[in-house]
Amino acid sequence: MCGICGVIDWDGRGEAAAREADVSLMLERLVHRGPDGWGVSSQGAATLGAVRLAIRGLSDGQQPIVDEASGIVVVCNGEIDNHRELKRWLASRGRPVVAETDVAVLPGLFLELGSEFVEHLTGAFSIGLWSARDQLLLLARDRAGERPLHFHVSDEAWFASELSALVGVAHLRTSVNVEALRGYLAAGFFSAPLSPFEGIRKVGPGEIIEIRGQKVSTRRYWRWNSIRAAEKKAASPREFDEIFREAVRSQSDVDVPYGVYMSGGLDSSLVAAVLRKLRPDYTLHSYTLRFFEPSYDESGYAESAAKLLGLELHRVDVTPEVVPATLTELIASSGEPLADPAWVPTALLSRRAAQDVKIALVGEGADELFGGYPTYLGANLAERYARLPSFIRSLLRRGVERWPATDKKVTLSFLLKRFVRGDGLAPVPRHLLWTSVISPAVLKRLGVAPTETRPVDPATSGEVTRVDMLNVLQRADLENSLAEGLLTKADRASMQFAIELRAPYLDMSVMEYAACLAARDRVHGFTTKVFLKKYASNYLPSSIVNRRKRGLSVPLARWLREPLYDWAHSQLSSPLLDEMGLRNEAAVAMLEEQRQRKADHSRSLWALIVLSEWLQWASRQNVAQFSTQVSSATARMAS
C-alpha cells in the first residue's frame, strides 16, 4: 500500500525541479499512507512520486519503478497478488524481473501488452504509469475499486491517491462541484467520475484512463456481470472452497504482521475461520468495536467467534466525545466528505490495529456479491405489494409513518418506513431511494433540488424484469455504494494510520464465482446469502452463520440529542452551508425535532454536519475564489 501522485508538463517547458517540488508537496500530504519510504523520479516531461507502506519485498520495494531503457515510470498503490506468475511469464518473454517487490512487474507488462496489461493483474491496486516514448499517462484502478485515484487535466496533468494532495497544490486551481455535492447529499458519497471539486475526476472501479495532452480516453476493462440463467452452474461449496481459500491465502501472503477485523457476524467470521485453517500456528490478532448502547454493541458476538477460532481479540471503545476531533482529522487528511457515520469508529479501530499489524483482512463485499442486504428481499416484496389496491397501500403507509422514532439499531419500523416510501417507483429508483442518505422530501425542505443519487446504466434505469432485478441491484451496489462508499470509508479510515485493509471476497475469482450463482442461491424467500451460508456451515456454527444481519452502525440518534447536540448545532449553523443554498434554519429545526424525539433525522443531519466540516476545510485551501464560488452555488443547488 502506498500513496502515489504525479504531474505531467505536456509542453515540456517547465523545470523538472519545479515539478519535483510540487510532487514533494503532494507526498507530504500523503505520507500517512506510506511512512516506510519516499521516492520521486522525473523522466522527460513527467515527475512521479510515492510514499510506501512496506508489505512485500521489504528490502527493495522503493518506488517509483523506473525502466531506464524505455523511459517508463510506474507508481502503484496496492498489491499485485499474482506477481510471481507474471514474473515467470515475463522471464519467458526475455524480460526477467530481479526485484522481489510485486510492483516491479508493471513496466515489463506494459512493454509487452500495452494498456491491456491491467487486465492481467489480480489484487487491489491503483496505478500511475508514464511512457515517455508514447507521451502517455495511464491511470488504472482495480476491479472492485478498493484503491483510490483522482486526476486533473488542463495544461498539465495531475494525479494523486487522495484529494487532499491535489487541492491547494501550486498551479492547480479549482472550485466546488455543485452537481457532485447535490449527489453527495442524496447518496452520501461521490460516484466516479465525480469529486467535490470542479475539474478533479475520480478513476472508476475497473477503469483505465489514457491521457495524451488534453485528450482523455476512458474504458472499462472489467464489470461484474451475473451470468445468464441458461449458463448458470450448480453451486458447489467444495469448488468454492478452493477459490476462497486461495483468495485468503494470497492476501495474507505478506512479509509483515497481519490480523482481522471482527464483528462476530458471518462475513468477517468466515474470513477469520478460513485464515485460521490455512495458518493454524500463526498468532492471529483480531479487532472489534465496543459501543455502550446495547443494541449497537457486537463485541460480545466477536468475543464468542474469536474464542471459537483461537484468536487474540482487542476491543476498541467508541464514545461520542471523540467524534468531533476524529472527523476533523479524517476530512483534513482525505480532502473529501463521506456521510457514513462508521467512518469515525473504523478509524478508531485502525488506530488500535496499527499498533500490532500492517494488514487486516475484512469482510467487505460479501453482501453485494452474495445477496446479503434486506433491500434485496424488499425488491421482491415490493413487486407483490404493488399489486395491492391503492387504498390499502395508502392505509398501510399512514400507519407505518406514525410509528415513533427509536434509538435502536435498524429496527423494523425503520425498514418499513423506507419500504413504503418507495411505493410506485421502478426497481432501480426505488432501490436508490431506500439506500439514500437524505430523501428527496428532506432535500426539498433544505432548499435543494433532488438529483440522481448515483449513476445507473441507461438500460436499467426504468423497468427491469424480475429475473434480472437482483443482478441489476447487486451491480449497482458493487459499483457505487461499495466502491465509492464502503471501500472509500475503509481506505481513508485505515490509511490515516498506515494500515492496509484487504477483502478476500473482492478477489477476482471470488467475484466471478458469485456471478455464476443462480438468483435462488443468493436470495430465496426471506433468506439472504443462501449459498454463502451453506458454504460457511463447513467452518462456523449455526449461531454465527444464521445470526441476524446487523452491520456497523453508530448510535447517532441519541448522540445528536445529548452529548453531541451543541457541536451539531454549531456545524449546522455554519454560514458556509447557508451560502451553499442549504436552509440553515431547516437543518437546525430538524436537529430540534431530533432532540425532542419527534423524528429520526440522524442520517440526514450527519451528512450535513460532515459537509459543513468539509466546507470549512476547503475554505482554508488554495481553492479558487472559494467564497465567491460557494455563494454562486445557491441558485444552482436549488435549480
Foldseek 3Di string as FASTA:
>chain_A
DKKKKKKFQQVQPDDPVVRVVLQVLLCVLGCLQAVLAKDWDDFRRMIMIMHHDAWALSPPPDDQAADVVFSKTKDKDWAQLCQVVLQVVLVVVVRHFDGGGSCSSPVSLCVVPNPCSLVVTWTFMWMWMAGPVVQKTKIAGAQLQLFWKKWAADSMIMMIRFPLSVFQRPPDFWEFDLVQVLLCLWQQFGFFQDARIPRMGIAFHQKMWMDHRRDIDIDRNDAQAFDDPVQFDDDDLVVVLVLLLVLLVSVPPIDWDEAAEDLLAQQRLLSLLSNCVVPVPDQHEYEYEAEPPVLQGRVVSRVVSCVVSVHHYDYFYDDPVCPPVQLLLLCSSRVHFGLASCLRVLLSRLLVCLVGTQEYEYRPPLCLLQPNDVVLVLLVVLVVVLPDDPVVLVVVQVVLVPDFDDLHAPDPSLQVNLSSVLHPAALPVSSSSSNILAHQVLLVLQLFHRDRNYDADPVVRHHDDPQCSSRRVSSVCSRPCRNTHVSVSNVSSNSSNNHHYHYSCPTPVNSNSSSSDGPCCADDNSDGSNVSLVSCVVRDPPCRSVPDDGDNHDSQLVCCLPVCVVVLLVLLCDVLCVLQQTRSVSLVVVSVCSNVSVDRSRSSSSSSSSVSSSLVSSVPHSHPPHSVSSNVNNVVRND
